[in-house]
Protein backbone atom coordinates (compact mmCIF):
# COMPACT_ATOMS: atom_id res chain seq x y z
CA MET A 1 201.51 -94.82 -53.83
CA PRO A 2 203.71 -98.60 -53.79
CA TYR A 3 201.38 -100.97 -54.73
CA GLN A 4 202.27 -103.76 -51.90
CA SER A 5 202.59 -102.65 -47.98
CA PHE A 6 204.97 -103.54 -45.46
CA GLU A 7 205.37 -102.71 -41.67
CA ASP A 8 207.83 -99.97 -42.32
CA ARG A 9 206.38 -98.35 -45.29
CA PRO A 10 201.96 -98.31 -46.30
CA GLY A 11 201.21 -99.31 -49.70
CA GLY A 12 197.98 -99.48 -51.26
CA SER A 13 196.89 -103.51 -51.38
CA LYS A 14 196.64 -103.82 -47.77
CA SER A 15 198.75 -106.79 -47.40
CA LEU A 16 198.88 -107.49 -44.10
CA GLU A 17 195.35 -107.49 -44.04
CA LYS A 18 195.08 -109.76 -47.34
CA LEU A 19 197.04 -112.88 -45.15
CA ALA A 20 194.10 -113.32 -43.20
CA HIS A 21 191.91 -113.46 -46.40
CA LEU A 22 193.99 -115.51 -48.06
CA LYS A 23 194.14 -118.56 -45.31
CA PHE A 24 197.64 -118.31 -45.64
CA PRO A 25 199.14 -121.24 -44.25
CA ARG A 26 200.97 -120.81 -40.84
CA ASP A 27 203.59 -123.75 -41.29
CA LEU A 28 205.68 -124.13 -44.69
CA LYS A 29 208.55 -125.58 -42.67
CA GLY A 30 210.75 -127.49 -45.52
CA LYS A 31 208.18 -126.40 -48.40
CA ARG A 32 208.86 -124.80 -51.90
CA VAL A 33 206.78 -121.66 -52.72
CA LEU A 34 206.34 -119.80 -56.10
CA ASP A 35 204.53 -116.18 -56.16
CA LEU A 36 202.99 -115.58 -59.58
CA GLY A 37 202.92 -111.71 -60.19
CA CYS A 38 204.77 -111.35 -56.84
CA ASN A 39 205.47 -107.71 -56.90
CA GLU A 40 207.88 -105.96 -54.24
CA GLY A 41 207.74 -109.80 -52.57
CA PHE A 42 205.56 -108.99 -49.71
CA PHE A 43 203.91 -113.08 -49.36
CA CYS A 44 207.82 -114.32 -50.89
CA PHE A 45 209.07 -112.55 -47.62
CA GLU A 46 206.30 -113.94 -45.23
CA ALA A 47 206.81 -117.74 -46.88
CA LYS A 48 210.39 -117.51 -46.29
CA ARG A 49 209.66 -116.33 -42.15
CA ARG A 50 207.22 -119.19 -41.88
CA GLY A 51 209.70 -121.72 -42.82
CA ALA A 52 209.58 -122.42 -46.91
CA SER A 53 212.91 -124.15 -47.50
CA TYR A 54 212.85 -122.41 -51.26
CA VAL A 55 210.94 -118.98 -52.17
CA LEU A 56 210.72 -117.96 -56.00
CA GLY A 57 208.90 -114.63 -56.76
CA ILE A 58 208.14 -113.79 -60.23
CA ASP A 59 206.73 -110.61 -62.17
CA ALA A 60 207.04 -109.33 -65.38
CA ASN A 61 208.38 -105.65 -64.28
CA ARG A 62 211.67 -105.42 -63.65
CA LYS A 63 211.59 -102.51 -61.37
CA PRO A 64 209.32 -104.63 -58.42
CA ILE A 65 211.49 -107.38 -58.67
CA GLU A 66 214.69 -105.31 -57.96
CA LEU A 67 213.15 -103.57 -55.06
CA ALA A 68 212.27 -107.29 -53.97
CA ARG A 69 216.00 -108.43 -54.13
CA ALA A 70 217.07 -105.22 -52.36
CA ARG A 71 214.64 -105.80 -49.01
CA ALA A 72 215.42 -109.48 -49.30
CA ALA A 73 219.28 -108.77 -48.86
CA SER A 74 218.72 -106.47 -46.34
CA GLU A 75 216.87 -108.79 -44.33
CA GLY A 76 219.23 -111.93 -45.36
CA LEU A 77 216.21 -113.54 -46.80
CA ASP A 78 217.45 -116.05 -48.92
CA ILE A 79 214.48 -115.74 -51.76
CA ASP A 80 215.03 -116.15 -55.76
CA PHE A 81 212.75 -113.58 -57.59
CA SER A 82 212.84 -113.27 -61.66
CA VAL A 83 211.54 -110.73 -64.18
CA CYS A 84 209.50 -113.04 -66.42
CA ASP A 85 206.20 -113.98 -67.63
CA PHE A 86 203.68 -116.28 -65.60
CA THR A 87 203.78 -119.52 -68.45
CA GLU A 88 207.83 -119.13 -68.37
CA ALA A 89 207.96 -119.93 -64.20
CA SER A 90 210.42 -122.89 -64.06
CA ASN A 91 211.81 -124.89 -61.38
CA GLY A 92 209.17 -126.47 -60.25
CA PRO A 93 207.63 -128.53 -58.63
CA PHE A 94 205.93 -126.22 -55.52
CA ASP A 95 204.01 -127.23 -52.84
CA LEU A 96 202.45 -123.74 -52.86
CA ILE A 97 201.69 -121.43 -55.57
CA LEU A 98 200.58 -117.52 -55.32
CA LEU A 99 198.16 -115.53 -57.85
CA LEU A 100 197.27 -112.83 -56.61
CA SER A 101 195.65 -109.95 -57.69
CA ALA A 102 197.55 -110.24 -60.66
CA LEU A 103 195.15 -112.63 -63.40
CA HIS A 104 193.64 -109.91 -65.30
CA TYR A 105 197.15 -109.18 -66.55
CA ALA A 106 197.38 -112.70 -67.75
CA ASP A 107 196.54 -112.49 -71.78
CA ASP A 108 196.14 -115.93 -71.67
CA PRO A 109 194.34 -117.21 -68.63
CA LYS A 110 194.30 -120.93 -69.75
CA ALA A 111 198.01 -121.07 -70.16
CA VAL A 112 198.76 -119.25 -66.96
CA PHE A 113 196.45 -122.08 -65.62
CA ASP A 114 198.18 -125.33 -67.36
CA ARG A 115 201.62 -124.15 -66.58
CA VAL A 116 200.40 -124.27 -62.92
CA HIS A 117 199.12 -127.37 -63.02
CA GLU A 118 202.09 -128.42 -64.12
CA LEU A 119 204.05 -126.70 -61.46
CA LEU A 120 202.22 -127.95 -58.73
CA ALA A 121 202.99 -130.63 -56.77
CA PRO A 122 200.58 -133.76 -56.37
CA ASN A 123 199.38 -132.90 -52.85
CA GLY A 124 200.58 -129.19 -53.55
CA LEU A 125 197.68 -125.98 -52.79
CA PHE A 126 197.26 -123.44 -55.47
CA ILE A 127 195.86 -119.99 -53.96
CA LEU A 128 193.99 -117.71 -56.43
CA GLU A 129 192.74 -113.91 -55.36
CA CYS A 130 191.19 -112.62 -58.54
CA GLY A 131 188.34 -109.72 -59.26
CA VAL A 132 185.11 -112.19 -60.53
CA SER A 133 182.08 -109.98 -62.55
CA ASP A 134 178.44 -110.89 -61.58
CA LEU A 135 177.23 -112.55 -65.23
CA THR A 136 175.97 -115.45 -65.43
CA GLY A 137 177.27 -118.53 -67.88
CA ARG A 138 180.72 -118.41 -69.60
CA LYS A 139 180.79 -114.86 -69.74
CA VAL A 140 183.79 -111.86 -69.23
CA ARG A 141 183.36 -108.24 -68.53
CA ARG A 142 185.05 -105.64 -70.11
CA VAL A 143 185.97 -102.98 -67.28
CA LEU A 144 187.50 -99.81 -67.95
CA ARG A 145 189.80 -98.71 -65.62
CA ALA A 146 191.50 -95.67 -65.20
CA ILE A 147 195.03 -96.64 -65.60
CA ASP A 148 194.07 -99.42 -68.61
CA GLU A 149 191.05 -101.82 -69.93
CA ARG A 150 191.04 -105.23 -68.41
CA TYR A 151 188.52 -108.21 -68.73
CA PHE A 152 187.29 -110.20 -65.63
CA PRO A 153 185.46 -113.54 -65.77
CA SER A 154 182.48 -115.03 -64.40
CA LEU A 155 182.09 -117.57 -62.06
CA GLU A 156 181.44 -119.98 -64.06
CA LEU A 157 183.86 -119.45 -67.03
CA LEU A 158 186.59 -119.28 -63.90
CA ARG A 159 185.57 -122.27 -61.97
CA ASP A 160 184.53 -125.00 -64.99
CA HIS A 161 186.93 -124.02 -67.86
CA TRP A 162 190.00 -121.94 -66.59
CA LEU A 163 190.29 -124.06 -63.45
CA GLU A 164 188.85 -127.54 -65.29
CA ASP A 165 191.85 -129.33 -64.25
CA PHE A 166 191.38 -127.95 -60.41
CA CYS A 167 189.23 -129.11 -57.50
CA VAL A 168 187.95 -125.42 -56.69
CA ARG A 169 186.92 -124.08 -53.36
CA ARG A 170 186.11 -121.02 -52.85
CA GLN A 171 187.41 -119.19 -49.22
CA GLY A 172 185.35 -115.84 -49.91
CA ARG A 173 185.84 -112.30 -50.38
CA SER A 174 189.38 -111.00 -50.32
CA VAL A 175 190.17 -106.95 -48.54
CA ASP A 176 188.67 -104.32 -50.38
CA GLN A 177 190.54 -102.05 -51.82
CA SER A 178 190.25 -98.80 -53.64
CA GLY A 179 189.91 -98.46 -57.19
CA ASP A 180 188.57 -102.54 -57.57
CA PRO A 181 186.21 -102.63 -60.32
CA MET A 182 185.23 -106.04 -59.21
CA PRO A 183 184.98 -107.79 -55.91
CA ARG A 184 187.76 -109.92 -55.24
CA PHE A 185 187.49 -113.46 -54.16
CA VAL A 186 190.02 -116.24 -53.06
CA PHE A 187 190.07 -119.79 -53.87
CA HIS A 188 192.31 -122.67 -52.86
CA CYS A 189 192.95 -124.87 -55.56
CA THR A 190 194.31 -128.89 -55.66
CA LYS A 191 194.97 -130.96 -58.48
CA ARG A 192 191.58 -132.90 -59.72
CA LYS A 193 192.46 -136.40 -59.53
CA PRO A 194 191.08 -139.38 -60.59
CA SER A 195 188.79 -141.54 -58.86
CA LEU A 196 189.51 -145.10 -57.65
CA VAL A 197 186.79 -147.40 -56.58
CA PHE A 198 187.43 -150.61 -54.80
CA ILE A 199 184.48 -153.07 -54.01
CA ALA A 200 185.08 -156.46 -52.88
CA GLY A 201 183.32 -159.01 -51.39
CA PRO A 202 182.30 -162.96 -51.85
CA GLY A 203 180.59 -164.20 -55.19
CA GLY A 204 176.57 -163.16 -55.72
CA THR A 205 176.82 -160.35 -53.38
CA GLY A 206 175.98 -158.02 -55.91
CA LYS A 207 180.26 -156.77 -56.98
CA THR A 208 179.14 -156.42 -60.31
CA SER A 209 175.50 -154.69 -60.05
CA ILE A 210 176.97 -151.83 -57.77
CA ALA A 211 179.90 -151.45 -59.99
CA ALA A 212 177.48 -151.07 -63.01
CA HIS A 213 175.86 -148.19 -61.23
CA PHE A 214 178.85 -146.26 -62.09
CA ARG A 215 178.10 -145.83 -65.20
CA ASP A 216 180.76 -143.59 -66.46
CA ALA A 217 183.33 -145.30 -64.98
CA LEU A 218 186.02 -147.90 -66.58
CA LEU A 219 185.28 -151.18 -64.78
CA ILE A 220 188.44 -153.68 -63.84
CA GLU A 221 186.87 -156.95 -63.45
CA THR A 222 189.65 -159.16 -61.41
CA ASP A 223 188.31 -162.31 -61.66
CA GLY A 224 188.41 -162.16 -65.64
CA LEU A 225 191.95 -160.95 -65.07
CA VAL A 226 192.90 -164.34 -63.42
CA VAL A 227 193.06 -166.25 -66.39
CA ALA A 228 194.58 -164.79 -68.84
CA ALA A 229 194.76 -165.49 -72.56
CA ARG A 230 197.07 -167.87 -73.20
CA HIS A 231 199.81 -168.67 -76.03
CA LYS A 232 198.77 -171.75 -77.72
CA SER A 233 202.53 -173.34 -77.27
CA ARG A 234 204.39 -172.07 -75.13
CA PRO A 235 202.63 -169.56 -72.45
CA LEU A 236 204.70 -167.74 -70.24
CA ILE A 237 203.53 -168.32 -66.87
CA VAL A 238 204.99 -166.95 -63.58
CA LYS A 239 205.07 -169.16 -60.44
CA GLN A 240 202.68 -166.80 -58.73
CA GLN A 241 200.22 -167.43 -61.97
CA ALA A 242 201.11 -170.97 -62.09
CA ALA A 243 200.01 -171.69 -58.21
CA MET A 244 196.88 -169.59 -58.82
CA ASP A 245 196.20 -172.20 -61.76
CA GLU A 246 196.49 -174.96 -59.94
CA CYS A 247 194.04 -173.72 -57.27
CA MET A 248 191.45 -173.05 -60.29
CA LEU A 249 191.73 -176.34 -61.38
CA LYS A 250 191.34 -177.72 -58.12
CA HIS A 251 188.23 -175.31 -57.16
CA LYS A 252 186.87 -174.83 -60.31
CA HIS A 253 185.33 -171.43 -58.34
CA ILE A 254 187.32 -168.14 -58.01
CA GLY A 255 186.25 -167.54 -54.70
CA LYS A 256 187.51 -170.83 -53.21
CA ALA A 257 190.58 -170.89 -55.24
CA TRP A 258 191.32 -167.22 -54.30
CA ASP A 259 190.56 -168.75 -50.38
CA GLU A 260 193.43 -171.01 -50.75
CA ALA A 261 195.72 -168.76 -52.78
CA ARG A 262 195.38 -165.54 -50.49
CA ASN A 263 197.65 -167.21 -47.68
CA ASP A 264 200.79 -166.86 -50.03
CA PRO A 265 202.02 -162.85 -49.88
CA GLU A 266 203.96 -163.68 -53.11
CA ILE A 267 200.73 -164.38 -54.78
CA VAL A 268 198.65 -161.28 -53.61
CA LYS A 269 201.81 -158.83 -54.22
CA TYR A 270 202.06 -160.43 -58.20
CA PHE A 271 198.27 -159.63 -58.64
CA ALA A 272 198.23 -156.57 -56.71
CA ASP A 273 200.68 -155.55 -59.34
CA MET A 274 198.72 -156.61 -62.33
CA ILE A 275 195.88 -154.83 -61.22
CA GLY A 276 197.66 -151.71 -60.93
CA ARG A 277 199.23 -152.03 -64.22
CA ALA A 278 195.96 -152.32 -65.36
CA ILE A 279 194.80 -148.86 -63.67
CA ARG A 280 197.63 -146.95 -65.01
CA LEU A 281 196.50 -148.20 -68.46
CA ASN A 282 193.56 -145.84 -67.84
CA ARG A 283 195.48 -143.20 -65.22
CA LYS A 284 193.53 -140.67 -67.27
CA HIS A 285 190.39 -142.18 -66.92
CA ASP A 286 188.25 -139.89 -64.29
CA LEU A 287 186.57 -143.12 -62.69
CA VAL A 288 188.03 -146.24 -61.97
CA VAL A 289 186.29 -148.93 -60.55
CA VAL A 290 187.59 -152.46 -59.72
CA GLU A 291 185.68 -155.01 -58.30
CA GLY A 292 186.37 -158.74 -57.77
CA TYR A 293 186.95 -161.13 -55.31
CA MET A 294 190.60 -160.95 -54.45
CA VAL A 295 189.96 -156.92 -54.36
CA GLY A 296 190.27 -156.89 -50.27
CA ASP A 297 193.11 -158.38 -50.03
CA VAL A 298 194.98 -155.77 -52.66
CA ALA A 299 193.32 -152.85 -52.17
CA PRO A 300 195.29 -151.86 -49.28
CA ALA A 301 198.88 -152.11 -51.47
CA LEU A 302 197.32 -150.84 -54.54
CA ALA A 303 195.37 -148.00 -52.38
CA ALA A 304 199.09 -146.68 -51.04
CA ALA A 305 200.73 -147.29 -54.72
CA PHE A 306 198.17 -144.82 -55.89
CA ARG A 307 197.37 -142.13 -53.13
CA ASP A 308 199.37 -139.36 -54.73
CA SER A 309 198.00 -139.32 -58.18
CA HIS A 310 193.50 -140.88 -57.08
CA VAL A 311 191.42 -140.39 -54.44
CA VAL A 312 190.95 -143.75 -53.35
CA TRP A 313 187.50 -145.11 -52.17
CA ASN A 314 187.22 -148.72 -50.53
CA LEU A 315 183.58 -150.21 -50.23
CA ALA A 316 185.13 -153.50 -49.47
CA PRO A 317 184.79 -152.96 -45.54
CA GLY A 318 184.03 -156.27 -43.47
CA PHE A 319 184.06 -158.67 -46.24
CA PRO A 320 186.06 -161.60 -46.78
CA GLY A 321 189.40 -160.23 -48.53
CA ALA A 322 189.59 -156.92 -46.40
CA ASP A 323 190.17 -158.25 -43.04
CA LEU A 324 188.74 -161.37 -42.00
CA PRO A 325 189.63 -165.05 -43.05
CA ALA A 326 187.70 -166.17 -46.32
CA SER A 327 185.96 -169.92 -45.80
CA HIS A 328 183.18 -171.86 -47.44
CA ASP A 329 182.82 -174.22 -44.60
CA GLU A 330 179.61 -174.34 -42.91
CA GLN A 331 178.98 -175.06 -38.95
CA ARG A 332 176.68 -174.62 -36.50
CA GLY A 333 177.40 -172.67 -33.13
CA LYS A 334 176.93 -169.60 -31.08
CA VAL A 335 178.13 -165.80 -31.59
CA ARG A 336 178.76 -163.47 -28.80
CA LEU A 337 176.71 -160.39 -29.77
CA ASP A 338 178.47 -156.94 -28.51
CA GLY A 339 176.87 -154.49 -30.63
CA LYS A 340 178.67 -154.78 -33.52
CA SER A 341 177.49 -155.76 -37.48
CA ILE A 342 177.29 -158.88 -38.82
CA VAL A 343 178.22 -158.99 -42.49
CA GLY A 344 177.48 -162.35 -44.65
CA TRP A 345 176.87 -164.33 -47.96
CA ALA A 346 174.51 -167.23 -48.55
CA PRO A 347 176.57 -169.45 -49.88
CA THR A 348 173.60 -171.80 -51.53
CA ALA A 349 172.13 -170.51 -54.37
CA GLY A 350 168.39 -168.77 -53.77
CA CYS A 351 169.40 -166.88 -50.62
CA ALA A 352 170.48 -163.16 -51.17
CA ILE A 353 173.02 -161.66 -48.38
CA PRO A 354 171.92 -161.36 -45.07
CA GLN A 355 172.90 -157.99 -43.15
CA VAL A 356 172.67 -158.03 -39.33
CA GLU A 357 172.04 -155.20 -36.83
CA ILE A 358 172.63 -156.12 -33.03
CA LEU A 359 171.14 -153.90 -30.70
CA LYS A 360 172.42 -154.02 -26.49
CA ASN A 361 169.56 -156.04 -25.50
CA GLY A 362 170.11 -159.16 -27.42
CA GLU A 363 167.48 -157.98 -29.91
CA PHE A 364 168.37 -157.74 -33.61
CA PHE A 365 167.13 -157.38 -37.07
CA MET A 366 168.02 -159.26 -39.85
CA LEU A 367 167.71 -157.71 -43.51
CA VAL A 368 166.96 -160.87 -46.31
CA ARG A 369 165.90 -159.52 -49.66
CA ASP A 370 165.38 -156.09 -48.54
CA GLU A 371 163.00 -156.79 -46.01
CA TRP A 372 164.08 -156.69 -42.18
CA PHE A 373 163.04 -159.22 -40.00
CA HIS A 374 162.90 -158.29 -35.97
CA MET A 375 164.39 -161.44 -33.91
CA LYS A 376 164.92 -161.69 -30.13
CA ALA A 377 167.96 -163.86 -28.82
CA GLU A 378 167.77 -165.97 -26.15
CA LYS A 379 170.18 -164.69 -24.14
CA PRO A 380 171.23 -160.93 -24.16
CA ASN A 381 175.04 -161.74 -24.84
CA GLU A 382 174.49 -164.85 -27.14
CA ALA A 383 172.57 -166.01 -29.64
CA HIS A 384 171.92 -169.53 -31.00
CA PHE A 385 168.73 -169.06 -33.01
CA ARG A 386 166.37 -170.64 -35.98
CA ILE A 387 164.72 -168.77 -38.02
CA GLU A 388 161.38 -170.16 -39.54
CA LEU A 389 160.47 -170.85 -43.12
CA ALA A 390 157.04 -169.19 -42.60
CA ASP A 391 158.65 -165.95 -41.90
CA LEU A 392 159.99 -165.48 -45.33
CA ALA A 393 157.83 -167.49 -47.41
CA SER A 394 157.18 -163.83 -49.13
CA GLN A 395 160.30 -163.20 -49.91
CA ARG A 396 160.61 -167.27 -51.25
CA ALA A 397 164.27 -167.65 -49.69
CA SER A 398 165.32 -171.23 -49.21
CA GLY A 399 168.37 -172.82 -48.72
CA LYS A 400 171.05 -171.80 -45.59
CA LEU A 401 172.51 -168.59 -44.43
CA SER A 402 175.74 -168.18 -42.87
CA PHE A 403 177.43 -165.15 -41.55
CA ARG A 404 180.55 -163.97 -39.75
CA VAL A 405 180.98 -161.19 -36.70
CA ARG A 406 183.38 -158.44 -36.69
CA GLY A 407 184.34 -157.68 -32.74
CA GLY A 408 187.47 -155.70 -31.84
CA ASN A 409 190.07 -158.31 -32.68
CA ARG A 410 188.03 -160.99 -32.76
CA LYS A 411 186.87 -162.51 -35.91
CA LEU A 412 184.50 -165.26 -35.06
CA LYS A 413 182.18 -167.73 -37.85
CA GLY A 414 179.16 -168.97 -37.12
CA PRO A 415 175.98 -170.16 -37.05
CA LEU A 416 174.63 -171.49 -39.71
CA ILE A 417 170.98 -170.97 -39.97
CA GLU A 418 168.81 -173.26 -41.70
CA LEU A 419 165.72 -172.00 -43.74
């Protein structure tokens, strides 16, 4: 009996039923598809019918490839079929790669997966269906079949070693077939990408402390990159760097200097490109953390530049440099409360960053030095309040606290809270 089944001819593999178990993509319009071990091309035909722009099926055996070519010609489907080894596949990149019920025929599974990784597009999907043994640890089980002898991996060996360059999600059991020595499972795999974490905020808010928790990360401190080592006689300084140098000379503080410089789009782009070069120097590192005062401004451009090569995490929402105008000016005032969160900082030494959560009835809670204080506004929608020093005596806080409010498109500043 033939291996693959078609609508006009039965087979031993239950190909039609297997489609659902594979969670085969419904829409492949404009996609490039590779089927490794395609046999007579059932899944190649299905990919073409679902809109794939290019389909390549390869198999080590010539006879099924000849049958696949004949069927494609009779159905008027433009599909390439080739007789070659899995590791000899070419013509990538591919948006979808299939390796179904064929892994146990590979003499070097790791080499096959390495080749798949090379051929898979950055955001492509690799669907693997294979037998998995019930052994624990990184082991293979030897199986004597009716027609040959094969080896099947444990889940740990398959996932943690053979597929170490992929993010692997087990989709469940595949369709059972007569003669299966091992239960078959379906895995959806994507390229493993390094993580890129952005941490932004004003000085003294704990950016460096948070970054230190990422113990295995490579840390890029943007504040330190602003002031570069220079040639003693005639350093090459572009106009954007010169402008930032002037701001630093004027303010003597990275935060205040950047507050002024960030209004120039060319300066923001210059430093975004500079940080991007530092990230690319470490593109193979599993985790890269970028922290600093300017990060909120440069993060959007960097996220767009690295979205295909990295998983991007932004830990900078609501801070100056993200979407709020940064300023160290202080003023008294009233702030409308609209159920949004307030995140602020202490420009005077001796005070920790306060975080305020607003309730609808005008009550609010303020977090100072890891302790929450319950407050009550004079009016439900307006707050003009003072924190008594006695309330914070246990925390030994002193100085002044200021904060900002985010609410819709409004960006309001104040009030100054005197302790």
